[in-house]
Amino acid sequence: MSIIRDFFHNLSWRFAKENDLSDITWAVCQSSEKFRMLFLQFFFPNVEFNNINSFDREITKDDSRADFVIDNDGQIFVVECKIGDTNHLN
């Protein structure tokens, strides 16, 4: 996984806004099934993504807007990117 981590690390230096990085990530996920599965397994290691109905970007609901919203057989998964945010759990 170090190639993927290095890839995103390098992108984050080039693209200072989280939207740029999220747009590129979404485009790669749309272009490569293998990358999309690695991306999803990174965030949700215990979930099997066997029936992805949608993998959307910038979905607005009520007063929030998620970077990624994934519908996997009716289960909804959300990924929100925060570049430079140090208030998270490891």
PDB file of N, CA and C in Angstrom:
ATOM      1  N   MET A   1       0.811  -1.202   0.000  1.00  0.00           N
ATOM      2  CA  MET A   1       0.000   0.000   0.000  1.00  0.00           C
ATOM      3  C   MET A   1       0.849   1.258   0.000  1.00  0.00           C
ATOM      4  N   SER A   2       2.148   1.150   0.100  1.00  0.00           N
ATOM      5  CA  SER A   2       2.965   2.359   0.170  1.00  0.00           C
ATOM      6  C   SER A   2       2.909   3.165  -1.122  1.00  0.00           C
ATOM      7  N   ILE A   3       2.691   2.528  -2.252  1.00  0.00           N
ATOM      8  CA  ILE A   3       2.581   3.259  -3.516  1.00  0.00           C
ATOM      9  C   ILE A   3       1.357   4.161  -3.475  1.00  0.00           C
ATOM     10  N   ILE A   4       0.240   3.645  -2.999  1.00  0.00           N
ATOM     11  CA  ILE A   4      -0.984   4.445  -2.915  1.00  0.00           C
ATOM     12  C   ILE A   4      -0.797   5.580  -1.917  1.00  0.00           C
ATOM     13  N   ARG A   5      -0.234   5.278  -0.761  1.00  0.00           N
ATOM     14  CA  ARG A   5       0.003   6.311   0.259  1.00  0.00           C
ATOM     15  C   ARG A   5       0.931   7.391  -0.303  1.00  0.00           C
ATOM     16  N   ASP A   6       2.001   6.988  -0.973  1.00  0.00           N
ATOM     17  CA  ASP A   6       2.929   7.952  -1.567  1.00  0.00           C
ATOM     18  C   ASP A   6       2.249   8.787  -2.648  1.00  0.00           C
ATOM     19  N   PHE A   7       1.406   8.132  -3.447  1.00  0.00           N
ATOM     20  CA  PHE A   7       0.672   8.827  -4.503  1.00  0.00           C
ATOM     21  C   PHE A   7      -0.173   9.955  -3.908  1.00  0.00           C
ATOM     22  N   PHE A   8      -0.954   9.648  -2.877  1.00  0.00           N
ATOM     23  CA  PHE A   8      -1.812  10.663  -2.270  1.00  0.00           C
ATOM     24  C   PHE A   8      -0.996  11.717  -1.523  1.00  0.00           C
ATOM     25  N   HIS A   9       0.076  11.305  -0.904  1.00  0.00           N
ATOM     26  CA  HIS A   9       0.942  12.272  -0.231  1.00  0.00           C
ATOM     27  C   HIS A   9       1.479  13.288  -1.241  1.00  0.00           C
ATOM     28  N   ASN A  10       1.965  12.799  -2.365  1.00  0.00           N
ATOM     29  CA  ASN A  10       2.501  13.686  -3.389  1.00  0.00           C
ATOM     30  C   ASN A  10       1.420  14.562  -4.007  1.00  0.00           C
ATOM     31  N   LEU A  11       0.245  14.002  -4.235  1.00  0.00           N
ATOM     32  CA  LEU A  11      -0.850  14.809  -4.761  1.00  0.00           C
ATOM     33  C   LEU A  11      -1.238  15.923  -3.795  1.00  0.00           C
ATOM     34  N   SER A  12      -1.251  15.608  -2.507  1.00  0.00           N
ATOM     35  CA  SER A  12      -1.653  16.613  -1.527  1.00  0.00           C
ATOM     36  C   SER A  12      -0.691  17.798  -1.508  1.00  0.00           C
ATOM     37  N   TRP A  13       0.564  17.566  -1.851  1.00  0.00           N
ATOM     38  CA  TRP A  13       1.513  18.674  -1.933  1.00  0.00           C
ATOM     39  C   TRP A  13       1.249  19.532  -3.158  1.00  0.00           C
ATOM     40  N   ARG A  14       0.811  18.922  -4.244  1.00  0.00           N
ATOM     41  CA  ARG A  14       0.534  19.669  -5.468  1.00  0.00           C
ATOM     42  C   ARG A  14      -0.811  20.373  -5.409  1.00  0.00           C
ATOM     43  N   PHE A  15      -1.788  19.739  -4.811  1.00  0.00           N
ATOM     44  CA  PHE A  15      -3.137  20.281  -4.766  1.00  0.00           C
ATOM     45  C   PHE A  15      -3.466  20.675  -3.339  1.00  0.00           C
ATOM     46  N   ALA A  16      -3.460  21.962  -3.082  1.00  0.00           N
ATOM     47  CA  ALA A  16      -3.644  22.454  -1.717  1.00  0.00           C
ATOM     48  C   ALA A  16      -5.088  22.372  -1.247  1.00  0.00           C
ATOM     49  N   LYS A  17      -6.031  22.322  -2.164  1.00  0.00           N
ATOM     50  CA  LYS A  17      -7.440  22.259  -1.772  1.00  0.00           C
ATOM     51  C   LYS A  17      -7.904  20.807  -1.760  1.00  0.00           C
ATOM     52  N   GLU A  18      -8.698  20.452  -0.756  1.00  0.00           N
ATOM     53  CA  GLU A  18      -9.180  19.074  -0.667  1.00  0.00           C
ATOM     54  C   GLU A  18     -10.045  18.703  -1.869  1.00  0.00           C
ATOM     55  N   ASN A  19     -10.730  19.676  -2.464  1.00  0.00           N
ATOM     56  CA  ASN A  19     -11.572  19.359  -3.624  1.00  0.00           C
ATOM     57  C   ASN A  19     -10.755  18.825  -4.787  1.00  0.00           C
ATOM     58  N   ASP A  20      -9.574  19.391  -5.023  1.00  0.00           N
ATOM     59  CA  ASP A  20      -8.722  18.905  -6.112  1.00  0.00           C
ATOM     60  C   ASP A  20      -8.343  17.445  -5.891  1.00  0.00           C
ATOM     61  N   LEU A  21      -7.883  17.135  -4.688  1.00  0.00           N
ATOM     62  CA  LEU A  21      -7.469  15.773  -4.377  1.00  0.00           C
ATOM     63  C   LEU A  21      -8.659  14.816  -4.472  1.00  0.00           C
ATOM     64  N   SER A  22      -9.808  15.233  -3.972  1.00  0.00           N
ATOM     65  CA  SER A  22     -11.000  14.389  -4.033  1.00  0.00           C
ATOM     66  C   SER A  22     -11.469  14.183  -5.468  1.00  0.00           C
ATOM     67  N   ASP A  23     -11.373  15.210  -6.293  1.00  0.00           N
ATOM     68  CA  ASP A  23     -11.756  15.072  -7.708  1.00  0.00           C
ATOM     69  C   ASP A  23     -10.869  14.054  -8.414  1.00  0.00           C
ATOM     70  N   ILE A  24      -9.567  14.126  -8.166  1.00  0.00           N
ATOM     71  CA  ILE A  24      -8.639  13.176  -8.785  1.00  0.00           C
ATOM     72  C   ILE A  24      -8.899  11.762  -8.271  1.00  0.00           C
ATOM     73  N   THR A  25      -9.113  11.641  -6.974  1.00  0.00           N
ATOM     74  CA  THR A  25      -9.395  10.326  -6.391  1.00  0.00           C
ATOM     75  C   THR A  25     -10.648   9.733  -6.996  1.00  0.00           C
ATOM     76  N   TRP A  26     -11.703  10.532  -7.117  1.00  0.00           N
ATOM     77  CA  TRP A  26     -12.955  10.062  -7.711  1.00  0.00           C
ATOM     78  C   TRP A  26     -12.726   9.610  -9.162  1.00  0.00           C
ATOM     79  N   ALA A  27     -11.974  10.399  -9.917  1.00  0.00           N
ATOM     80  CA  ALA A  27     -11.715  10.056 -11.320  1.00  0.00           C
ATOM     81  C   ALA A  27     -10.952   8.738 -11.438  1.00  0.00           C
ATOM     82  N   VAL A  28      -9.963   8.536 -10.567  1.00  0.00           N
ATOM     83  CA  VAL A  28      -9.215   7.273 -10.603  1.00  0.00           C
ATOM     84  C   VAL A  28     -10.123   6.115 -10.190  1.00  0.00           C
ATOM     85  N   CYS A  29     -10.976   6.326  -9.184  1.00  0.00           N
ATOM     86  CA  CYS A  29     -11.918   5.275  -8.767  1.00  0.00           C
ATOM     87  C   CYS A  29     -12.883   4.915  -9.890  1.00  0.00           C
ATOM     88  N   GLN A  30     -13.299   5.909 -10.677  1.00  0.00           N
ATOM     89  CA  GLN A  30     -14.196   5.645 -11.800  1.00  0.00           C
ATOM     90  C   GLN A  30     -13.481   4.920 -12.940  1.00  0.00           C
ATOM     91  N   SER A  31     -12.187   5.142 -13.043  1.00  0.00           N
ATOM     92  CA  SER A  31     -11.414   4.592 -14.151  1.00  0.00           C
ATOM     93  C   SER A  31     -10.837   3.213 -13.882  1.00  0.00           C
ATOM     94  N   SER A  32     -10.652   2.874 -12.613  1.00  0.00           N
ATOM     95  CA  SER A  32      -9.989   1.620 -12.275  1.00  0.00           C
ATOM     96  C   SER A  32     -10.767   0.882 -11.183  1.00  0.00           C
ATOM     97  N   GLU A  33     -11.317  -0.251 -11.543  1.00  0.00           N
ATOM     98  CA  GLU A  33     -12.038  -1.090 -10.572  1.00  0.00           C
ATOM     99  C   GLU A  33     -11.108  -1.530  -9.444  1.00  0.00           C
ATOM    100  N   LYS A  34      -9.881  -1.885  -9.792  1.00  0.00           N
ATOM    101  CA  LYS A  34      -8.920  -2.341  -8.781  1.00  0.00           C
ATOM    102  C   LYS A  34      -8.604  -1.221  -7.785  1.00  0.00           C
ATOM    103  N   PHE A  35      -8.353  -0.017  -8.305  1.00  0.00           N
ATOM    104  CA  PHE A  35      -8.071   1.098  -7.413  1.00  0.00           C
ATOM    105  C   PHE A  35      -9.287   1.403  -6.529  1.00  0.00           C
ATOM    106  N   ARG A  36     -10.490   1.386  -7.123  1.00  0.00           N
ATOM    107  CA  ARG A  36     -11.711   1.654  -6.349  1.00  0.00           C
ATOM    108  C   ARG A  36     -11.842   0.669  -5.193  1.00  0.00           C
ATOM    109  N   MET A  37     -11.565  -0.605  -5.436  1.00  0.00           N
ATOM    110  CA  MET A  37     -11.661  -1.602  -4.381  1.00  0.00           C
ATOM    111  C   MET A  37     -10.592  -1.379  -3.307  1.00  0.00           C
ATOM    112  N   LEU A  38      -9.383  -1.015  -3.701  1.00  0.00           N
ATOM    113  CA  LEU A  38      -8.334  -0.696  -2.717  1.00  0.00           C
ATOM    114  C   LEU A  38      -8.732   0.511  -1.871  1.00  0.00           C
ATOM    115  N   PHE A  39      -9.277   1.518  -2.513  1.00  0.00           N
ATOM    116  CA  PHE A  39      -9.745   2.720  -1.818  1.00  0.00           C
ATOM    117  C   PHE A  39     -10.818   2.355  -0.790  1.00  0.00           C
ATOM    118  N   LEU A  40     -11.797   1.579  -1.201  1.00  0.00           N
ATOM    119  CA  LEU A  40     -12.890   1.196  -0.298  1.00  0.00           C
ATOM    120  C   LEU A  40     -12.407   0.285   0.821  1.00  0.00           C
ATOM    121  N   GLN A  41     -11.521  -0.646   0.513  1.00  0.00           N
ATOM    122  CA  GLN A  41     -10.997  -1.548   1.538  1.00  0.00           C
ATOM    123  C   GLN A  41     -10.143  -0.805   2.556  1.00  0.00           C
ATOM    124  N   PHE A  42      -9.492   0.274   2.130  1.00  0.00           N
ATOM    125  CA  PHE A  42      -8.703   1.081   3.056  1.00  0.00           C
ATOM    126  C   PHE A  42      -9.599   1.680   4.141  1.00  0.00           C
ATOM    127  N   PHE A  43     -10.738   2.251   3.740  1.00  0.00           N
ATOM    128  CA  PHE A  43     -11.640   2.891   4.688  1.00  0.00           C
ATOM    129  C   PHE A  43     -12.574   1.910   5.390  1.00  0.00           C
ATOM    130  N   PHE A  44     -12.964   0.863   4.684  1.00  0.00           N
ATOM    131  CA  PHE A  44     -13.947  -0.086   5.223  1.00  0.00           C
ATOM    132  C   PHE A  44     -13.422  -1.519   5.049  1.00  0.00           C
ATOM    133  N   PRO A  45     -12.412  -1.902   5.842  1.00  0.00           N
ATOM    134  CA  PRO A  45     -11.747  -3.192   5.630  1.00  0.00           C
ATOM    135  C   PRO A  45     -12.625  -4.418   5.882  1.00  0.00           C
ATOM    136  N   ASN A  46     -13.698  -4.264   6.611  1.00  0.00           N
ATOM    137  CA  ASN A  46     -14.541  -5.415   6.933  1.00  0.00           C
ATOM    138  C   ASN A  46     -15.805  -5.497   6.090  1.00  0.00           C
ATOM    139  N   VAL A  47     -15.881  -4.706   5.036  1.00  0.00           N
ATOM    140  CA  VAL A  47     -17.066  -4.682   4.184  1.00  0.00           C
ATOM    141  C   VAL A  47     -16.731  -5.276   2.823  1.00  0.00           C
ATOM    142  N   GLU A  48     -17.633  -6.103   2.317  1.00  0.00           N
ATOM    143  CA  GLU A  48     -17.483  -6.628   0.957  1.00  0.00           C
ATOM    144  C   GLU A  48     -18.312  -5.760   0.016  1.00  0.00           C
ATOM    145  N   PHE A  49     -17.664  -5.150  -0.919  1.00  0.00           N
ATOM    146  CA  PHE A  49     -18.333  -4.298  -1.892  1.00  0.00           C
ATOM    147  C   PHE A  49     -18.590  -5.110  -3.160  1.00  0.00           C
ATOM    148  N   ASN A  50     -19.674  -5.878  -3.132  1.00  0.00           N
ATOM    149  CA  ASN A  50     -19.998  -6.766  -4.245  1.00  0.00           C
ATOM    150  C   ASN A  50     -21.058  -6.203  -5.181  1.00  0.00           C
ATOM    151  N   ASN A  51     -21.759  -5.147  -4.753  1.00  0.00           N
ATOM    152  CA  ASN A  51     -22.837  -4.608  -5.585  1.00  0.00           C
ATOM    153  C   ASN A  51     -22.892  -3.090  -5.418  1.00  0.00           C
ATOM    154  N   ILE A  52     -21.915  -2.407  -5.982  1.00  0.00           N
ATOM    155  CA  ILE A  52     -21.859  -0.950  -5.886  1.00  0.00           C
ATOM    156  C   ILE A  52     -22.846  -0.367  -6.888  1.00  0.00           C
ATOM    157  N   ASN A  53     -23.901   0.253  -6.365  1.00  0.00           N
ATOM    158  CA  ASN A  53     -24.910   0.882  -7.218  1.00  0.00           C
ATOM    159  C   ASN A  53     -24.477   2.274  -7.656  1.00  0.00           C
ATOM    160  N   SER A  54     -23.745   2.963  -6.793  1.00  0.00           N
ATOM    161  CA  SER A  54     -23.253   4.295  -7.145  1.00  0.00           C
ATOM    162  C   SER A  54     -22.026   4.634  -6.314  1.00  0.00           C
ATOM    163  N   PHE A  55     -21.161   5.433  -6.908  1.00  0.00           N
ATOM    164  CA  PHE A  55     -19.959   5.954  -6.244  1.00  0.00           C
ATOM    165  C   PHE A  55     -19.912   7.427  -6.636  1.00  0.00           C
ATOM    166  N   ASP A  56     -20.525   8.264  -5.788  1.00  0.00           N
ATOM    167  CA  ASP A  56     -20.753   9.657  -6.153  1.00  0.00           C
ATOM    168  C   ASP A  56     -19.820  10.611  -5.425  1.00  0.00           C
ATOM    169  N   ARG A  57     -19.714  11.794  -5.983  1.00  0.00           N
ATOM    170  CA  ARG A  57     -18.832  12.846  -5.484  1.00  0.00           C
ATOM    171  C   ARG A  57     -19.668  14.061  -5.161  1.00  0.00           C
ATOM    172  N   GLU A  58     -19.372  14.700  -3.993  1.00  0.00           N
ATOM    173  CA  GLU A  58     -20.010  15.954  -3.594  1.00  0.00           C
ATOM    174  C   GLU A  58     -21.538  15.841  -3.556  1.00  0.00           C
ATOM    175  N   ILE A  59     -22.027  14.919  -2.770  1.00  0.00           N
ATOM    176  CA  ILE A  59     -23.472  14.741  -2.607  1.00  0.00           C
ATOM    177  C   ILE A  59     -23.937  15.615  -1.442  1.00  0.00           C
ATOM    178  N   THR A  60     -24.954  16.426  -1.693  1.00  0.00           N
ATOM    179  CA  THR A  60     -25.497  17.315  -0.672  1.00  0.00           C
ATOM    180  C   THR A  60     -26.767  16.720  -0.095  1.00  0.00           C
ATOM    181  N   LYS A  61     -26.836  16.723   1.238  1.00  0.00           N
ATOM    182  CA  LYS A  61     -28.048  16.301   1.934  1.00  0.00           C
ATOM    183  C   LYS A  61     -28.205  17.198   3.145  1.00  0.00           C
ATOM    184  N   ASP A  62     -29.370  17.824   3.244  1.00  0.00           N
ATOM    185  CA  ASP A  62     -29.645  18.791   4.309  1.00  0.00           C
ATOM    186  C   ASP A  62     -28.564  19.865   4.296  1.00  0.00           C
ATOM    187  N   ASP A  63     -27.836  20.035   5.387  1.00  0.00           N
ATOM    188  CA  ASP A  63     -26.830  21.098   5.445  1.00  0.00           C
ATOM    189  C   ASP A  63     -25.400  20.561   5.370  1.00  0.00           C
ATOM    190  N   SER A  64     -25.238  19.365   4.825  1.00  0.00           N
ATOM    191  CA  SER A  64     -23.891  18.806   4.703  1.00  0.00           C
ATOM    192  C   SER A  64     -23.631  18.363   3.260  1.00  0.00           C
ATOM    193  N   ARG A  65     -22.347  18.255   2.940  1.00  0.00           N
ATOM    194  CA  ARG A  65     -21.949  17.812   1.603  1.00  0.00           C
ATOM    195  C   ARG A  65     -20.754  16.875   1.763  1.00  0.00           C
ATOM    196  N   ALA A  66     -20.962  15.610   1.438  1.00  0.00           N
ATOM    197  CA  ALA A  66     -19.917  14.601   1.600  1.00  0.00           C
ATOM    198  C   ALA A  66     -19.041  14.528   0.353  1.00  0.00           C
ATOM    199  N   ASP A  67     -17.749  14.277   0.570  1.00  0.00           N
ATOM    200  CA  ASP A  67     -16.833  14.136  -0.559  1.00  0.00           C
ATOM    201  C   ASP A  67     -17.173  12.911  -1.403  1.00  0.00           C
ATOM    202  N   PHE A  68     -17.402  11.779  -0.749  1.00  0.00           N
ATOM    203  CA  PHE A  68     -17.738  10.549  -1.460  1.00  0.00           C
ATOM    204  C   PHE A  68     -18.920   9.880  -0.770  1.00  0.00           C
ATOM    205  N   VAL A  69     -19.877   9.437  -1.562  1.00  0.00           N
ATOM    206  CA  VAL A  69     -21.006   8.670  -1.044  1.00  0.00           C
ATOM    207  C   VAL A  69     -21.117   7.421  -1.906  1.00  0.00           C
ATOM    208  N   ILE A  70     -21.038   6.274  -1.259  1.00  0.00           N
ATOM    209  CA  ILE A  70     -21.051   4.990  -1.966  1.00  0.00           C
ATOM    210  C   ILE A  70     -22.277   4.215  -1.534  1.00  0.00           C
ATOM    211  N   ASP A  71     -23.052   3.771  -2.509  1.00  0.00           N
ATOM    212  CA  ASP A  71     -24.202   2.907  -2.246  1.00  0.00           C
ATOM    213  C   ASP A  71     -23.793   1.494  -2.643  1.00  0.00           C
ATOM    214  N   ASN A  72     -23.682   0.634  -1.651  1.00  0.00           N
ATOM    215  CA  ASN A  72     -23.319  -0.761  -1.873  1.00  0.00           C
ATOM    216  C   ASN A  72     -24.513  -1.624  -1.480  1.00  0.00           C
ATOM    217  N   ASP A  73     -25.288  -2.008  -2.473  1.00  0.00           N
ATOM    218  CA  ASP A  73     -26.459  -2.862  -2.249  1.00  0.00           C
ATOM    219  C   ASP A  73     -27.393  -2.283  -1.189  1.00  0.00           C
ATOM    220  N   GLY A  74     -27.603  -0.961  -1.255  1.00  0.00           N
ATOM    221  CA  GLY A  74     -28.516  -0.300  -0.342  1.00  0.00           C
ATOM    222  C   GLY A  74     -27.879   0.231   0.932  1.00  0.00           C
ATOM    223  N   GLN A  75     -26.665  -0.196   1.239  1.00  0.00           N
ATOM    224  CA  GLN A  75     -25.940   0.355   2.391  1.00  0.00           C
ATOM    225  C   GLN A  75     -25.170   1.585   1.918  1.00  0.00           C
ATOM    226  N   ILE A  76     -25.281   2.672   2.657  1.00  0.00           N
ATOM    227  CA  ILE A  76     -24.620   3.914   2.275  1.00  0.00           C
ATOM    228  C   ILE A  76     -23.352   4.100   3.107  1.00  0.00           C
ATOM    229  N   PHE A  77     -22.253   4.397   2.426  1.00  0.00           N
ATOM    230  CA  PHE A  77     -20.957   4.652   3.063  1.00  0.00           C
ATOM    231  C   PHE A  77     -20.506   6.043   2.654  1.00  0.00           C
ATOM    232  N   VAL A  78     -19.956   6.799   3.613  1.00  0.00           N
ATOM    233  CA  VAL A  78     -19.539   8.179   3.370  1.00  0.00           C
ATOM    234  C   VAL A  78     -18.063   8.328   3.718  1.00  0.00           C
ATOM    235  N   VAL A  79     -17.331   9.023   2.833  1.00  0.00           N
ATOM    236  CA  VAL A  79     -15.934   9.364   3.092  1.00  0.00           C
ATOM    237  C   VAL A  79     -15.819  10.877   2.947  1.00  0.00           C
ATOM    238  N   GLU A  80     -15.279  11.509   3.987  1.00  0.00           N
ATOM    239  CA  GLU A  80     -15.054  12.956   3.980  1.00  0.00           C
ATOM    240  C   GLU A  80     -13.562  13.196   4.140  1.00  0.00           C
ATOM    241  N   CYS A  81     -12.972  13.957   3.221  1.00  0.00           N
ATOM    242  CA  CYS A  81     -11.537  14.235   3.247  1.00  0.00           C
ATOM    243  C   CYS A  81     -11.278  15.586   3.898  1.00  0.00           C
ATOM    244  N   LYS A  82     -10.278  15.616   4.744  1.00  0.00           N
ATOM    245  CA  LYS A  82      -9.871  16.853   5.401  1.00  0.00           C
ATOM    246  C   LYS A  82      -8.352  16.947   5.347  1.00  0.00           C
ATOM    247  N   ILE A  83      -7.841  17.693   4.400  1.00  0.00           N
ATOM    248  CA  ILE A  83      -6.402  17.871   4.277  1.00  0.00           C
ATOM    249  C   ILE A  83      -5.918  18.781   5.396  1.00  0.00           C
ATOM    250  N   GLY A  84      -4.909  18.328   6.107  1.00  0.00           N
ATOM    251  CA  GLY A  84      -4.324  19.116   7.181  1.00  0.00           C
ATOM    252  C   GLY A  84      -5.084  19.038   8.499  1.00  0.00           C
ATOM    253  N   ASP A  85      -6.168  18.283   8.551  1.00  0.00           N
ATOM    254  CA  ASP A  85      -6.943  18.149   9.789  1.00  0.00           C
ATOM    255  C   ASP A  85      -6.231  17.167  10.700  1.00  0.00           C
ATOM    256  N   THR A  86      -5.868  17.611  11.878  1.00  0.00           N
ATOM    257  CA  THR A  86      -5.162  16.731  12.813  1.00  0.00           C
ATOM    258  C   THR A  86      -6.076  16.234  13.924  1.00  0.00           C
ATOM    259  N   ASN A  87      -7.359  16.548  13.855  1.00  0.00           N
ATOM    260  CA  ASN A  87      -8.312  16.140  14.876  1.00  0.00           C
ATOM    261  C   ASN A  87      -9.053  14.867  14.436  1.00  0.00           C
ATOM    262  N   HIS A  88      -8.320  13.793  14.315  1.00  0.00           N
ATOM    263  CA  HIS A  88      -8.937  12.525  13.903  1.00  0.00           C
ATOM    264  C   HIS A  88      -8.278  11.373  14.675  1.00  0.00           C
ATOM    265  N   LEU A  89      -8.937  10.256  14.628  1.00  0.00           N
ATOM    266  CA  LEU A  89      -8.400   9.069  15.278  1.00  0.00           C
ATOM    267  C   LEU A  89      -7.590   8.255  14.295  1.00  0.00           C
ATOM    268  N   ASN A  90      -6.544   7.629  14.749  1.00  0.00           N
ATOM    269  CA  ASN A  90      -5.738   6.756  13.881  1.00  0.00           C
ATOM    270  C   ASN A  90      -6.209   5.340  14.006  1.00  0.00           C
TER     271      ASN A  90
END
